[in-house]
C-alpha atoms as a PDB file:
ATOM      1  CA  MET A   1      40.766  -0.012 -13.246  1.00  0.00           C
ATOM      2  CA  SER A   2      39.651   1.468 -16.541  1.00  0.00           C
ATOM      3  CA  ILE A   3      37.139   4.279 -16.899  1.00  0.00           C
ATOM      4  CA  LYS A   4      34.665   1.799 -18.372  1.00  0.00           C
ATOM      5  CA  ASP A   5      35.049  -0.498 -15.348  1.00  0.00           C
ATOM      6  CA  GLU A   6      34.534   2.464 -13.015  1.00  0.00           C
ATOM      7  CA  GLN A   7      31.417   3.501 -14.902  1.00  0.00           C
ATOM      8  CA  ILE A   8      30.034  -0.036 -14.726  1.00  0.00           C
ATOM      9  CA  LYS A   9      30.789  -0.227 -11.014  1.00  0.00           C
ATOM     10  CA  TYR A  10      29.095   3.139 -10.449  1.00  0.00           C
ATOM     11  CA  LEU A  11      26.019   2.070 -12.439  1.00  0.00           C
ATOM     12  CA  GLN A  12      25.806  -1.189 -10.480  1.00  0.00           C
ATOM     13  CA  TYR A  13      25.951   0.818  -7.264  1.00  0.00           C
ATOM     14  CA  ARG A  14      23.170   3.131  -8.487  1.00  0.00           C
ATOM     15  CA  VAL A  15      20.983   0.206  -9.547  1.00  0.00           C
ATOM     16  CA  GLU A  16      21.392  -1.418  -6.141  1.00  0.00           C
ATOM     17  CA  ALA A  17      20.602   1.876  -4.408  1.00  0.00           C
ATOM     18  CA  LEU A  18      17.477   2.374  -6.518  1.00  0.00           C
ATOM     19  CA  GLN A  19      16.340  -1.202  -5.877  1.00  0.00           C
ATOM     20  CA  LYS A  20      16.733  -0.643  -2.147  1.00  0.00           C
ATOM     21  CA  GLU A  21      14.780   2.616  -2.382  1.00  0.00           C
ATOM     22  CA  LEU A  22      11.965   0.855  -4.264  1.00  0.00           C
ATOM     23  CA  ARG A  23      11.791  -1.906  -1.648  1.00  0.00           C
ATOM     24  CA  LEU A  24      11.527   0.699   1.121  1.00  0.00           C
ATOM     25  CA  LYS A  25       8.817   2.550  -0.790  1.00  0.00           C
ATOM     26  CA  GLU A  26       6.873  -0.687  -1.299  1.00  0.00           C
ATOM     27  CA  ASP A  27       7.164  -1.447   2.416  1.00  0.00           C
ATOM     28  CA  ARG A  28       5.906   2.041   3.292  1.00  0.00           C
ATOM     29  CA  ASN A  29       3.036   1.727   0.814  1.00  0.00           C
ATOM     30  CA  PHE A  30       2.081  -1.663   2.246  1.00  0.00           C
ATOM     31  CA  LEU A  31       2.170  -0.400   5.815  1.00  0.00           C
ATOM     32  CA  GLN A  32       0.223   2.762   4.931  1.00  0.00           C
ATOM     33  CA  VAL A  33      -2.493   0.835   3.102  1.00  0.00           C
ATOM     34  CA  GLN A  34      -2.680  -1.663   5.963  1.00  0.00           C
ATOM     35  CA  GLU A  35      -3.075   1.152   8.482  1.00  0.00           C
ATOM     36  CA  ASP A  36      -5.664   2.887   6.295  1.00  0.00           C
ATOM     37  CA  LEU A  37      -7.685  -0.322   6.016  1.00  0.00           C
ATOM     38  CA  GLU A  38      -7.567  -0.833   9.776  1.00  0.00           C
ATOM     39  CA  ASN A  39      -8.912   2.693  10.220  1.00  0.00           C
ATOM     40  CA  TYR A  40     -11.511   2.390   7.452  1.00  0.00           C
ATOM     41  CA  TYR A  41     -12.977  -0.818   8.821  1.00  0.00           C
ATOM     42  CA  GLU A  42     -12.645   0.703  12.314  1.00  0.00           C
ATOM     43  CA  ILE A  43     -10.542  -2.146  13.597  1.00  0.00           C
ATOM     44  CA  ASP A  44      -8.493   0.491  15.395  1.00  0.00           C
ATOM     45  CA  LEU A  45     -11.650   1.516  17.274  1.00  0.00           C
ATOM     46  CA  ASP A  46     -12.629  -2.087  17.976  1.00  0.00           C
ATOM     47  CA  ASN A  47     -15.784  -1.308  16.044  1.00  0.00           C
ATOM     48  CA  CYS A  48     -15.562  -3.768  13.158  1.00  0.00           C
ATOM     49  CA  HIS A  49     -18.542  -6.084  12.869  1.00  0.00           C
ATOM     50  CA  MET A  50     -17.516  -7.825   9.665  1.00  0.00           C
ATOM     51  CA  THR A  51     -17.777 -11.594   9.602  1.00  0.00           C
ATOM     52  CA  ASN A  52     -15.457 -13.980   7.815  1.00  0.00           C
ATOM     53  CA  ILE A  53     -17.987 -14.106   4.973  1.00  0.00           C
ATOM     54  CA  ASP A  54     -17.878 -10.304   4.725  1.00  0.00           C
ATOM     55  CA  TRP A  55     -14.084 -10.409   4.468  1.00  0.00           C
ATOM     56  CA  ILE A  56     -14.236 -13.114   1.816  1.00  0.00           C
ATOM     57  CA  ARG A  57     -16.675 -10.970  -0.155  1.00  0.00           C
ATOM     58  CA  GLU A  58     -14.325  -7.974   0.018  1.00  0.00           C
ATOM     59  CA  ILE A  59     -11.370 -10.058  -1.134  1.00  0.00           C
ATOM     60  CA  THR A  60     -13.453 -11.543  -3.946  1.00  0.00           C
ATOM     61  CA  LEU A  61     -14.537  -8.096  -5.104  1.00  0.00           C
ATOM     62  CA  LEU A  62     -10.946  -6.967  -5.053  1.00  0.00           C
ATOM     63  CA  ILE A  63      -9.909  -9.888  -7.235  1.00  0.00           C
ATOM     64  CA  VAL A  64     -12.744  -9.886  -9.769  1.00  0.00           C
ATOM     65  CA  THR A  65     -13.865  -6.247 -10.018  1.00  0.00           C
ATOM     66  CA  LYS A  66     -11.890  -3.951 -12.270  1.00  0.00           C
ATOM     67  CA  ASP A  67     -10.521  -0.932 -10.401  1.00  0.00           C
ATOM     68  CA  TYR A  68     -12.081  -2.038  -7.093  1.00  0.00           C
ATOM     69  CA  ASP A  69      -8.793  -1.261  -5.398  1.00  0.00           C
ATOM     70  CA  LYS A  70      -9.031   2.334  -6.634  1.00  0.00           C
ATOM     71  CA  GLU A  71     -12.641   2.552  -5.437  1.00  0.00           C
ATOM     72  CA  ILE A  72     -11.692   1.353  -1.970  1.00  0.00           C
ATOM     73  CA  LEU A  73      -8.696   3.693  -1.769  1.00  0.00           C
ATOM     74  CA  SER A  74     -10.938   6.580  -2.811  1.00  0.00           C
ATOM     75  CA  GLU A  75     -13.478   5.648  -0.136  1.00  0.00           C
ATOM     76  CA  ILE A  76     -10.693   5.372   2.407  1.00  0.00           C
ATOM     77  CA  ASN A  77      -9.426   8.851   1.558  1.00  0.00           C
ATOM     78  CA  LEU A  78     -12.944  10.278   1.911  1.00  0.00           C
ATOM     79  CA  TYR A  79     -13.367   8.424   5.220  1.00  0.00           C
ATOM     80  CA  LYS A  80     -10.043   9.759   6.514  1.00  0.00           C
ATOM     81  CA  LYS A  81     -11.026  13.343   5.650  1.00  0.00           C
ATOM     82  CA  THR A  82     -14.414  12.896   7.326  1.00  0.00           C
ATOM     83  CA  ARG A  83     -12.856  11.360  10.416  1.00  0.00           C
ATOM     84  CA  GLU A  84     -10.299  14.177  10.671  1.00  0.00           C
ATOM     85  CA  GLN A  85     -13.131  16.741  10.702  1.00  0.00           C
ATOM     86  CA  LEU A  86     -14.815  15.090  13.685  1.00  0.00           C
END
């Protein structure tokens, strides 16, 4: 095997490793956001009184409002800090 072939093989290995790492990070991000949303809407406390219409409104805002995701994540972080202090 030539040096060039070895370098290509090594680079392919690195790319695969990085892709796997990204997939794991995406999974962790998904699970963390899901858990944060469950806490924020107090589903974990069985204290969520949102109706299906309320959920549809939230999803609609997320889709049509610029940076709504950032707003919600900011609110979630503030909520988490407040809840930790209790």
